[in-house]
Amino acid sequence: MEIINEPKITELEERTVACVSFVGNYVGKVEVFAELFGKLGNWAGPKQLIGPNTLFMSAYYDDPGVTPPEELKLDACMTIDDDVEVEGEIKKQKLPGGKYVVMHAELTGAEEYGPAWEYIVEWLMQNNLEMDMSRASYEIYLNDPEEHPEKHHILDICMPVK
């Protein structure tokens, strides 16, 4: 795992997203994410909603260290314009903005997501910051690991703080 930038406090803007929800144990289960993002892509692709500025992200609502695995909630999301219509299991919502700790990281594989989140939590505690549990934490994916020469995952991890 390479921390490209140390975590820093950033004001993030609110984003309108289309999302597919999942409840259950997603920890370390690459296939769950593949299926969710597959559904999003299958919906958005024919509508030509995926452009150079589209962000793909996962929004998390629970702490896997506290919440039972079968109750964990996750939304696989992509940014859309406010006027885009959704249907079926594709939902539309606003991801809240505000004060977040953002860490830019390059992970060599899916197994490094857990340690990356642990790193940002430790950084929060060292800096006497408190997580804001009323807003989702999320990952913003900045590349397609399949297209990276070494299959690295480049992302921003965003954790809301009070």
N, C-alpha and C. Protein backbone atom coordinates (compact mmCIF):
# COMPACT_ATOMS: atom_id res chain seq x y z
N MET A 1 0.86 -1.19 0.00
CA MET A 1 0.00 0.00 0.00
C MET A 1 0.89 1.23 0.00
N GLU A 2 0.58 2.14 -0.88
CA GLU A 2 1.32 3.39 -0.91
C GLU A 2 0.36 4.53 -0.63
N ILE A 3 0.65 5.28 0.44
CA ILE A 3 -0.13 6.48 0.73
C ILE A 3 0.50 7.57 -0.12
N ILE A 4 -0.20 8.01 -1.14
CA ILE A 4 0.37 8.99 -2.06
C ILE A 4 0.42 10.36 -1.38
N ASN A 5 -0.64 10.69 -0.62
CA ASN A 5 -0.63 11.91 0.18
C ASN A 5 -1.08 11.53 1.57
N GLU A 6 -0.49 12.15 2.58
CA GLU A 6 -1.00 11.97 3.94
C GLU A 6 -2.45 12.46 3.96
N PRO A 7 -3.27 11.88 4.84
CA PRO A 7 -4.66 12.35 4.92
C PRO A 7 -4.71 13.86 5.18
N LYS A 8 -5.71 14.52 4.62
CA LYS A 8 -5.88 15.94 4.91
C LYS A 8 -7.37 16.27 4.96
N ILE A 9 -7.68 17.33 5.70
CA ILE A 9 -9.08 17.75 5.83
C ILE A 9 -9.45 18.60 4.62
N THR A 10 -10.55 18.23 3.99
CA THR A 10 -10.98 18.87 2.75
C THR A 10 -12.49 19.11 2.82
N GLU A 11 -12.95 20.21 2.26
CA GLU A 11 -14.39 20.45 2.09
C GLU A 11 -14.80 19.79 0.79
N LEU A 12 -15.70 18.82 0.86
CA LEU A 12 -16.19 18.18 -0.36
C LEU A 12 -17.58 18.71 -0.68
N GLU A 13 -17.87 18.83 -1.98
CA GLU A 13 -19.20 19.30 -2.36
C GLU A 13 -20.17 18.12 -2.37
N GLU A 14 -21.45 18.45 -2.23
CA GLU A 14 -22.50 17.44 -2.35
C GLU A 14 -22.48 16.91 -3.79
N ARG A 15 -22.75 15.62 -3.95
CA ARG A 15 -22.77 15.03 -5.30
C ARG A 15 -24.07 14.26 -5.52
N THR A 16 -24.64 14.41 -6.71
CA THR A 16 -25.80 13.60 -7.09
C THR A 16 -25.28 12.31 -7.72
N VAL A 17 -25.78 11.18 -7.23
CA VAL A 17 -25.30 9.89 -7.73
C VAL A 17 -26.46 8.95 -8.05
N ALA A 18 -26.20 8.06 -9.00
CA ALA A 18 -27.06 6.90 -9.21
C ALA A 18 -26.38 5.78 -8.44
N CYS A 19 -27.17 4.91 -7.80
CA CYS A 19 -26.52 3.87 -7.00
C CYS A 19 -27.34 2.59 -6.97
N VAL A 20 -26.63 1.52 -6.66
CA VAL A 20 -27.23 0.21 -6.42
C VAL A 20 -26.85 -0.15 -4.99
N SER A 21 -27.87 -0.52 -4.19
CA SER A 21 -27.63 -0.81 -2.77
C SER A 21 -27.40 -2.29 -2.53
N PHE A 22 -26.67 -2.56 -1.46
CA PHE A 22 -26.37 -3.94 -1.06
C PHE A 22 -26.36 -3.98 0.46
N VAL A 23 -26.96 -5.02 1.03
CA VAL A 23 -26.87 -5.25 2.47
C VAL A 23 -26.33 -6.65 2.68
N GLY A 24 -25.25 -6.75 3.44
CA GLY A 24 -24.64 -8.06 3.70
C GLY A 24 -23.14 -7.91 3.84
N ASN A 25 -22.46 -9.03 3.94
CA ASN A 25 -21.02 -9.00 4.14
C ASN A 25 -20.31 -8.78 2.80
N TYR A 26 -19.73 -7.59 2.64
CA TYR A 26 -18.99 -7.27 1.42
C TYR A 26 -17.48 -7.27 1.67
N VAL A 27 -17.06 -7.45 2.93
CA VAL A 27 -15.64 -7.31 3.28
C VAL A 27 -14.81 -8.36 2.55
N GLY A 28 -13.88 -7.90 1.73
CA GLY A 28 -12.99 -8.81 1.00
C GLY A 28 -13.66 -9.56 -0.14
N LYS A 29 -14.89 -9.19 -0.48
CA LYS A 29 -15.63 -9.92 -1.53
C LYS A 29 -15.67 -9.10 -2.82
N VAL A 30 -14.65 -9.27 -3.62
CA VAL A 30 -14.51 -8.53 -4.87
C VAL A 30 -15.73 -8.74 -5.77
N GLU A 31 -16.29 -9.96 -5.72
CA GLU A 31 -17.41 -10.28 -6.62
C GLU A 31 -18.65 -9.44 -6.32
N VAL A 32 -18.85 -9.04 -5.06
CA VAL A 32 -19.99 -8.19 -4.70
C VAL A 32 -19.88 -6.85 -5.43
N PHE A 33 -18.68 -6.26 -5.36
CA PHE A 33 -18.46 -4.97 -6.01
C PHE A 33 -18.57 -5.10 -7.53
N ALA A 34 -18.01 -6.18 -8.07
CA ALA A 34 -18.07 -6.40 -9.53
C ALA A 34 -19.52 -6.46 -9.99
N GLU A 35 -20.35 -7.18 -9.23
CA GLU A 35 -21.76 -7.30 -9.61
C GLU A 35 -22.48 -5.95 -9.53
N LEU A 36 -22.26 -5.21 -8.44
CA LEU A 36 -22.95 -3.93 -8.26
C LEU A 36 -22.53 -2.92 -9.34
N PHE A 37 -21.22 -2.81 -9.57
CA PHE A 37 -20.77 -1.86 -10.58
C PHE A 37 -21.14 -2.33 -11.98
N GLY A 38 -21.25 -3.65 -12.17
CA GLY A 38 -21.74 -4.20 -13.43
C GLY A 38 -23.16 -3.73 -13.70
N LYS A 39 -24.01 -3.80 -12.68
CA LYS A 39 -25.40 -3.33 -12.84
C LYS A 39 -25.45 -1.85 -13.19
N LEU A 40 -24.63 -1.06 -12.49
CA LEU A 40 -24.59 0.38 -12.77
C LEU A 40 -24.15 0.64 -14.21
N GLY A 41 -23.07 -0.04 -14.61
CA GLY A 41 -22.54 0.14 -15.96
C GLY A 41 -23.52 -0.29 -17.03
N ASN A 42 -24.21 -1.41 -16.79
CA ASN A 42 -25.21 -1.91 -17.76
C ASN A 42 -26.37 -0.94 -17.92
N TRP A 43 -26.68 -0.22 -16.84
CA TRP A 43 -27.75 0.79 -16.89
C TRP A 43 -27.25 2.07 -17.56
N ALA A 44 -26.05 2.52 -17.16
CA ALA A 44 -25.55 3.84 -17.60
C ALA A 44 -24.96 3.81 -19.01
N GLY A 45 -24.35 2.68 -19.38
CA GLY A 45 -23.68 2.60 -20.68
C GLY A 45 -24.58 2.93 -21.86
N PRO A 46 -25.72 2.21 -22.01
CA PRO A 46 -26.61 2.47 -23.15
C PRO A 46 -27.17 3.90 -23.14
N LYS A 47 -27.25 4.51 -21.96
CA LYS A 47 -27.77 5.88 -21.85
C LYS A 47 -26.66 6.92 -22.08
N GLN A 48 -25.45 6.44 -22.32
CA GLN A 48 -24.28 7.32 -22.54
C GLN A 48 -24.08 8.29 -21.38
N LEU A 49 -24.20 7.75 -20.16
CA LEU A 49 -24.04 8.59 -18.96
C LEU A 49 -22.62 8.55 -18.41
N ILE A 50 -21.77 7.72 -18.99
CA ILE A 50 -20.40 7.61 -18.48
C ILE A 50 -19.49 8.45 -19.34
N GLY A 51 -18.93 9.50 -18.74
CA GLY A 51 -18.06 10.41 -19.47
C GLY A 51 -16.74 10.58 -18.74
N PRO A 52 -15.88 11.46 -19.25
CA PRO A 52 -14.56 11.64 -18.64
C PRO A 52 -14.62 12.19 -17.21
N ASN A 53 -15.72 12.85 -16.84
CA ASN A 53 -15.82 13.41 -15.49
C ASN A 53 -16.65 12.56 -14.54
N THR A 54 -17.14 11.40 -15.03
CA THR A 54 -17.94 10.52 -14.17
C THR A 54 -17.05 9.92 -13.10
N LEU A 55 -17.50 9.99 -11.85
CA LEU A 55 -16.78 9.36 -10.74
C LEU A 55 -17.54 8.11 -10.31
N PHE A 56 -16.80 7.04 -10.09
CA PHE A 56 -17.39 5.83 -9.51
C PHE A 56 -16.93 5.76 -8.06
N MET A 57 -17.85 5.39 -7.18
CA MET A 57 -17.52 5.37 -5.75
C MET A 57 -18.36 4.36 -5.01
N SER A 58 -17.87 3.98 -3.83
CA SER A 58 -18.65 3.15 -2.92
C SER A 58 -18.92 3.98 -1.67
N ALA A 59 -20.18 4.01 -1.23
CA ALA A 59 -20.55 4.71 0.00
C ALA A 59 -20.83 3.67 1.08
N TYR A 60 -20.25 3.90 2.24
CA TYR A 60 -20.38 2.96 3.36
C TYR A 60 -21.08 3.64 4.52
N TYR A 61 -21.98 2.89 5.18
CA TYR A 61 -22.80 3.48 6.23
C TYR A 61 -22.53 2.88 7.61
N ASP A 62 -21.71 1.85 7.68
CA ASP A 62 -21.50 1.14 8.94
C ASP A 62 -20.01 0.90 9.17
N ASP A 63 -19.67 0.63 10.41
CA ASP A 63 -18.30 0.27 10.77
C ASP A 63 -18.23 -1.26 10.82
N PRO A 64 -17.48 -1.89 9.89
CA PRO A 64 -17.40 -3.36 9.88
C PRO A 64 -16.84 -3.93 11.19
N GLY A 65 -16.18 -3.10 11.98
CA GLY A 65 -15.66 -3.56 13.27
C GLY A 65 -16.75 -3.67 14.33
N VAL A 66 -17.89 -3.04 14.08
CA VAL A 66 -18.97 -2.97 15.09
C VAL A 66 -20.25 -3.64 14.58
N THR A 67 -20.61 -3.36 13.33
CA THR A 67 -21.85 -3.86 12.75
C THR A 67 -21.69 -5.33 12.34
N PRO A 68 -22.69 -6.18 12.67
CA PRO A 68 -22.61 -7.59 12.22
C PRO A 68 -22.51 -7.64 10.69
N PRO A 69 -21.67 -8.55 10.14
CA PRO A 69 -21.41 -8.59 8.69
C PRO A 69 -22.68 -8.63 7.84
N GLU A 70 -23.70 -9.38 8.30
CA GLU A 70 -24.90 -9.52 7.47
C GLU A 70 -25.75 -8.25 7.44
N GLU A 71 -25.41 -7.25 8.27
CA GLU A 71 -26.17 -6.00 8.32
C GLU A 71 -25.44 -4.82 7.70
N LEU A 72 -24.25 -5.05 7.15
CA LEU A 72 -23.47 -3.96 6.56
C LEU A 72 -24.18 -3.41 5.32
N LYS A 73 -24.22 -2.07 5.22
CA LYS A 73 -24.88 -1.42 4.08
C LYS A 73 -23.84 -0.75 3.20
N LEU A 74 -24.05 -0.86 1.89
CA LEU A 74 -23.12 -0.31 0.90
C LEU A 74 -23.93 0.18 -0.29
N ASP A 75 -23.52 1.31 -0.86
CA ASP A 75 -24.08 1.76 -2.15
C ASP A 75 -22.93 1.86 -3.14
N ALA A 76 -23.06 1.19 -4.28
CA ALA A 76 -22.14 1.39 -5.39
C ALA A 76 -22.72 2.54 -6.19
N CYS A 77 -21.93 3.59 -6.40
CA CYS A 77 -22.46 4.83 -6.97
C CYS A 77 -21.65 5.32 -8.17
N MET A 78 -22.32 6.15 -8.96
CA MET A 78 -21.63 6.91 -10.00
C MET A 78 -22.28 8.28 -10.06
N THR A 79 -21.48 9.30 -10.31
CA THR A 79 -22.03 10.65 -10.37
C THR A 79 -22.87 10.81 -11.63
N ILE A 80 -23.98 11.54 -11.49
CA ILE A 80 -24.88 11.83 -12.61
C ILE A 80 -25.34 13.27 -12.50
N ASP A 81 -25.91 13.81 -13.58
CA ASP A 81 -26.52 15.13 -13.54
C ASP A 81 -27.84 15.03 -12.76
N ASP A 82 -28.22 16.15 -12.16
CA ASP A 82 -29.44 16.19 -11.33
C ASP A 82 -30.69 15.74 -12.07
N ASP A 83 -30.75 15.96 -13.41
CA ASP A 83 -31.98 15.69 -14.15
C ASP A 83 -32.08 14.28 -14.72
N VAL A 84 -31.09 13.42 -14.42
CA VAL A 84 -31.11 12.05 -14.94
C VAL A 84 -32.20 11.24 -14.22
N GLU A 85 -33.00 10.51 -15.01
CA GLU A 85 -34.05 9.65 -14.43
C GLU A 85 -33.47 8.26 -14.16
N VAL A 86 -33.90 7.66 -13.05
CA VAL A 86 -33.44 6.30 -12.73
C VAL A 86 -34.65 5.38 -12.67
N GLU A 87 -34.39 4.06 -12.73
CA GLU A 87 -35.50 3.11 -12.65
C GLU A 87 -35.01 1.79 -12.08
N GLY A 88 -35.97 0.96 -11.68
CA GLY A 88 -35.64 -0.38 -11.18
C GLY A 88 -34.80 -0.29 -9.91
N GLU A 89 -33.75 -1.11 -9.86
CA GLU A 89 -32.95 -1.11 -8.64
C GLU A 89 -31.91 0.01 -8.62
N ILE A 90 -31.87 0.81 -9.68
CA ILE A 90 -30.99 1.98 -9.70
C ILE A 90 -31.72 3.11 -8.97
N LYS A 91 -31.11 3.61 -7.91
CA LYS A 91 -31.70 4.69 -7.12
C LYS A 91 -30.89 5.96 -7.35
N LYS A 92 -31.49 7.09 -7.01
CA LYS A 92 -30.79 8.37 -7.11
C LYS A 92 -30.75 8.98 -5.72
N GLN A 93 -29.59 9.51 -5.34
CA GLN A 93 -29.50 10.16 -4.04
C GLN A 93 -28.41 11.23 -4.08
N LYS A 94 -28.35 12.03 -3.01
CA LYS A 94 -27.29 13.01 -2.88
C LYS A 94 -26.32 12.50 -1.81
N LEU A 95 -25.04 12.44 -2.18
CA LEU A 95 -24.02 12.15 -1.17
C LEU A 95 -23.66 13.50 -0.55
N PRO A 96 -23.79 13.61 0.78
CA PRO A 96 -23.59 14.92 1.41
C PRO A 96 -22.14 15.39 1.28
N GLY A 97 -22.00 16.70 1.19
CA GLY A 97 -20.68 17.30 1.22
C GLY A 97 -20.31 17.61 2.66
N GLY A 98 -19.35 18.52 2.82
CA GLY A 98 -18.92 18.93 4.15
C GLY A 98 -17.47 18.59 4.40
N LYS A 99 -17.13 18.53 5.68
CA LYS A 99 -15.74 18.35 6.08
C LYS A 99 -15.40 16.86 6.11
N TYR A 100 -14.40 16.48 5.30
CA TYR A 100 -13.95 15.09 5.21
C TYR A 100 -12.44 15.04 5.35
N VAL A 101 -11.96 13.92 5.91
CA VAL A 101 -10.55 13.61 5.80
C VAL A 101 -10.41 12.79 4.54
N VAL A 102 -9.53 13.24 3.63
CA VAL A 102 -9.35 12.56 2.35
C VAL A 102 -7.91 12.05 2.26
N MET A 103 -7.77 10.77 1.90
CA MET A 103 -6.45 10.18 1.74
C MET A 103 -6.37 9.59 0.33
N HIS A 104 -5.35 10.01 -0.39
CA HIS A 104 -5.11 9.51 -1.75
C HIS A 104 -4.15 8.32 -1.63
N ALA A 105 -4.55 7.17 -2.15
CA ALA A 105 -3.73 5.96 -1.95
C ALA A 105 -3.67 5.14 -3.24
N GLU A 106 -2.60 4.37 -3.34
CA GLU A 106 -2.46 3.40 -4.42
C GLU A 106 -2.28 2.03 -3.78
N LEU A 107 -3.24 1.15 -4.02
CA LEU A 107 -3.25 -0.17 -3.40
C LEU A 107 -2.84 -1.21 -4.43
N THR A 108 -2.05 -2.18 -3.99
CA THR A 108 -1.59 -3.20 -4.94
C THR A 108 -2.64 -4.27 -5.18
N GLY A 109 -3.70 -4.30 -4.34
CA GLY A 109 -4.76 -5.29 -4.53
C GLY A 109 -5.89 -5.07 -3.56
N ALA A 110 -6.97 -5.83 -3.74
CA ALA A 110 -8.18 -5.66 -2.93
C ALA A 110 -7.91 -5.89 -1.44
N GLU A 111 -6.91 -6.74 -1.13
CA GLU A 111 -6.64 -7.05 0.28
C GLU A 111 -6.09 -5.84 1.05
N GLU A 112 -5.74 -4.77 0.36
CA GLU A 112 -5.17 -3.60 1.05
C GLU A 112 -6.21 -2.55 1.42
N TYR A 113 -7.47 -2.76 1.04
CA TYR A 113 -8.50 -1.77 1.40
C TYR A 113 -8.65 -1.67 2.92
N GLY A 114 -8.71 -2.80 3.61
CA GLY A 114 -8.85 -2.79 5.07
C GLY A 114 -7.74 -2.01 5.75
N PRO A 115 -6.45 -2.34 5.47
CA PRO A 115 -5.35 -1.59 6.08
C PRO A 115 -5.38 -0.10 5.74
N ALA A 116 -5.83 0.27 4.53
CA ALA A 116 -5.90 1.69 4.17
C ALA A 116 -6.92 2.41 5.05
N TRP A 117 -8.08 1.77 5.28
CA TRP A 117 -9.09 2.36 6.16
C TRP A 117 -8.57 2.44 7.59
N GLU A 118 -7.85 1.41 8.04
CA GLU A 118 -7.28 1.44 9.40
C GLU A 118 -6.30 2.60 9.55
N TYR A 119 -5.54 2.87 8.51
CA TYR A 119 -4.57 3.96 8.53
C TYR A 119 -5.28 5.30 8.73
N ILE A 120 -6.36 5.51 7.99
CA ILE A 120 -7.06 6.80 8.08
C ILE A 120 -7.73 6.95 9.45
N VAL A 121 -8.23 5.84 10.02
CA VAL A 121 -8.84 5.88 11.35
C VAL A 121 -7.77 6.23 12.40
N GLU A 122 -6.59 5.62 12.29
CA GLU A 122 -5.50 5.94 13.21
C GLU A 122 -5.11 7.41 13.10
N TRP A 123 -5.06 7.91 11.86
CA TRP A 123 -4.72 9.33 11.64
C TRP A 123 -5.75 10.24 12.31
N LEU A 124 -7.03 9.88 12.20
CA LEU A 124 -8.10 10.65 12.86
C LEU A 124 -7.84 10.72 14.36
N MET A 125 -7.54 9.55 14.95
CA MET A 125 -7.35 9.50 16.41
C MET A 125 -6.11 10.30 16.83
N GLN A 126 -5.03 10.18 16.06
CA GLN A 126 -3.80 10.92 16.38
C GLN A 126 -4.03 12.42 16.32
N ASN A 127 -4.94 12.86 15.48
CA ASN A 127 -5.20 14.29 15.31
C ASN A 127 -6.43 14.76 16.09
N ASN A 128 -6.89 13.91 17.03
CA ASN A 128 -8.03 14.24 17.90
C ASN A 128 -9.26 14.69 17.13
N LEU A 129 -9.54 13.98 16.03
CA LEU A 129 -10.73 14.28 15.23
C LEU A 129 -11.77 13.19 15.47
N GLU A 130 -13.02 13.56 15.33
CA GLU A 130 -14.10 12.61 15.55
C GLU A 130 -14.85 12.38 14.25
N MET A 131 -15.08 11.11 13.94
CA MET A 131 -15.82 10.78 12.73
C MET A 131 -17.28 11.23 12.90
N ASP A 132 -17.86 11.73 11.82
CA ASP A 132 -19.27 12.13 11.81
C ASP A 132 -20.09 10.95 11.28
N MET A 133 -20.70 10.21 12.22
CA MET A 133 -21.43 8.98 11.84
C MET A 133 -22.74 9.28 11.10
N SER A 134 -23.14 10.56 11.01
CA SER A 134 -24.40 10.87 10.34
C SER A 134 -24.23 10.92 8.81
N ARG A 135 -22.98 10.90 8.33
CA ARG A 135 -22.73 10.92 6.89
C ARG A 135 -21.94 9.68 6.50
N ALA A 136 -22.12 9.26 5.25
CA ALA A 136 -21.42 8.07 4.75
C ALA A 136 -19.94 8.38 4.55
N SER A 137 -19.12 7.34 4.73
CA SER A 137 -17.72 7.38 4.29
C SER A 137 -17.73 6.83 2.87
N TYR A 138 -16.76 7.25 2.05
CA TYR A 138 -16.74 6.64 0.74
C TYR A 138 -15.35 6.55 0.13
N GLU A 139 -15.30 5.71 -0.90
CA GLU A 139 -14.11 5.54 -1.72
C GLU A 139 -14.44 6.09 -3.10
N ILE A 140 -13.53 6.92 -3.63
CA ILE A 140 -13.68 7.41 -5.00
C ILE A 140 -12.61 6.72 -5.83
N TYR A 141 -13.04 5.97 -6.83
CA TYR A 141 -12.10 5.19 -7.63
C TYR A 141 -11.57 6.04 -8.78
N LEU A 142 -10.25 6.17 -8.87
CA LEU A 142 -9.64 7.07 -9.84
C LEU A 142 -9.07 6.32 -11.05
N ASN A 143 -9.19 4.99 -11.04
CA ASN A 143 -8.73 4.23 -12.21
C ASN A 143 -9.47 2.90 -12.27
N ASP A 144 -9.30 2.21 -13.36
CA ASP A 144 -9.78 0.83 -13.50
C ASP A 144 -8.56 -0.05 -13.28
N PRO A 145 -8.52 -0.81 -12.16
CA PRO A 145 -7.34 -1.63 -11.88
C PRO A 145 -6.98 -2.57 -13.03
N GLU A 146 -7.98 -3.01 -13.80
CA GLU A 146 -7.71 -3.92 -14.92
C GLU A 146 -6.88 -3.24 -16.01
N GLU A 147 -6.92 -1.91 -16.05
CA GLU A 147 -6.18 -1.18 -17.08
C GLU A 147 -4.82 -0.70 -16.58
N HIS A 148 -4.55 -0.88 -15.27
CA HIS A 148 -3.26 -0.47 -14.70
C HIS A 148 -2.23 -1.56 -15.01
N PRO A 149 -1.00 -1.18 -15.41
CA PRO A 149 0.00 -2.21 -15.77
C PRO A 149 0.27 -3.22 -14.66
N GLU A 150 0.15 -2.80 -13.40
CA GLU A 150 0.38 -3.73 -12.29
C GLU A 150 -0.91 -4.02 -11.53
N LYS A 151 -2.07 -3.68 -12.13
CA LYS A 151 -3.40 -3.92 -11.53
C LYS A 151 -3.60 -3.18 -10.21
N HIS A 152 -2.94 -2.03 -10.05
CA HIS A 152 -3.10 -1.25 -8.82
C HIS A 152 -4.45 -0.54 -8.80
N HIS A 153 -4.94 -0.31 -7.59
CA HIS A 153 -6.18 0.42 -7.35
C HIS A 153 -5.78 1.82 -6.87
N ILE A 154 -6.14 2.86 -7.62
CA ILE A 154 -5.84 4.24 -7.22
C ILE A 154 -7.15 4.87 -6.79
N LEU A 155 -7.17 5.41 -5.56
CA LEU A 155 -8.44 5.91 -5.04
C LEU A 155 -8.23 6.98 -3.98
N ASP A 156 -9.32 7.70 -3.70
CA ASP A 156 -9.39 8.60 -2.56
C ASP A 156 -10.32 7.96 -1.55
N ILE A 157 -9.87 7.88 -0.31
CA ILE A 157 -10.72 7.40 0.78
C ILE A 157 -11.18 8.65 1.54
N CYS A 158 -12.50 8.78 1.70
CA CYS A 158 -13.08 9.99 2.28
C CYS A 158 -13.89 9.62 3.53
N MET A 159 -13.50 10.19 4.67
CA MET A 159 -14.18 9.90 5.93
C MET A 159 -14.71 11.21 6.51
N PRO A 160 -16.02 11.28 6.79
CA PRO A 160 -16.59 12.54 7.31
C PRO A 160 -16.14 12.80 8.76
N VAL A 161 -15.80 14.05 9.04
CA VAL A 161 -15.41 14.42 10.41
C VAL A 161 -16.26 15.58 10.90
N LYS A 162 -16.35 15.66 12.22
CA LYS A 162 -17.15 16.72 12.84
C LYS A 162 -16.36 18.02 12.85
